[in-house]
Amino acid sequence: MAFDFTTIYDRYGKDALAVDAIGQIEGVPKAPQEGFSTIPMWVADMNFATAPAVVSAIQERLEHPIFGYFLPPQKYFDVIKDWQRSHNGVSNLDNKHIGYENGVLGGLISTVSAYCKPGDAVLVHSPTYIGFTSCLTAAGYKIVHSTLTADENNVYHMDYDDMDRVLTESGAKVAIFCSPHNPTGRVWHREEIEKAMAIYAKHDCIVVSDEIWSDIIHPGRTHIPAQSVSEDARNRTVALYALSKTFNIAGIVGAYHIIYNDQLRAKVEEESRKPHYNDANVLSVHALIGAYSEDGAAWGARAERGFGCER
């Protein structure tokens, strides 16, 4: 099947943060000097069209003109289980392990809030995704960093001794793990994840594993779900996934969690229910169903050849 990754779209006037916010909102780049073009490379928002399977799934749902309170259909759970099985080798998922999230960062804060109070330390690797730092700081948590180290080939690695030291000194009970890692692009090896999880287990840390980039890694690379490396990792980890990067639908907010441990899942979902922010969005649910279809998978495979993460 042929897909179009070459058409240049005019995004001005379409509420696109990548271009319409330039020079307009604090925290985004200033407008370029006169005579220079805007190059919207400052945000993870691609300029080619969203996967056709996603558009089709949304259009099909729009044919029914009622958008009341909504429950995800069984197909939502089925396609997630199929996707995790075919892409990540996960074969033990039940419906109860899967939960809708109104964004990865919302799921992160729900998890942290279930185990920490404002002022408590949370471990984050550095360099890190600005979304982690901004939401943790805004929620009143203290960020403690463990620095990734670059080797002679500019490949980044975790410093396990430093992680152990920081956790010992800070007493952090929640750690943020990013896999594949943003912004270094590392696709972690199994033994690297095993060592990290052993450190977290030693300090009895709950782990939030942001795996949003796992669907878009270059061929020949293998994403290892953090929960898969040991029984302990399976039971202490909240894994978070979303479609916004792979399928270019950041404007249709939606994500999902995988949480195996019943007690952990109950505590996280209790936090997310308190503000009622996390009710399922009908369009994002159907966008996922389209993305995780056979046609969506074919589109994603074509995209990752050009835009994926490296080891």
Foldseek 3Di string as FASTA:
>chain_A
DDDDPDDADDCPPVPDCLPPCACPDPPHHHDDDPPDDRDSPPDLFDRGDFQPLLVVLLVVVVVPPDFPFDDQDPLLVVLVQVCCCVAAVDNDDDPVQKDKFLALLRLVVLLCVLPDAAAAEEEEEPPADVSVVVSCVVRRYHYDYFYWDADPVRQTAGDLVSLLVRCVVRVHQEYEAEAVGPPSLDHDDLVRLVSVVVSNVVSNHQYEYEDAQSLQAAPPGGHHPSLPNDVSSLARYKYKYACCNLRRPVVVGIIMIGHDHPVSVVSSVVSSPPVPPRRDGPSRSSSSSSCSDPSNSVSSNVVSNPPHGDD
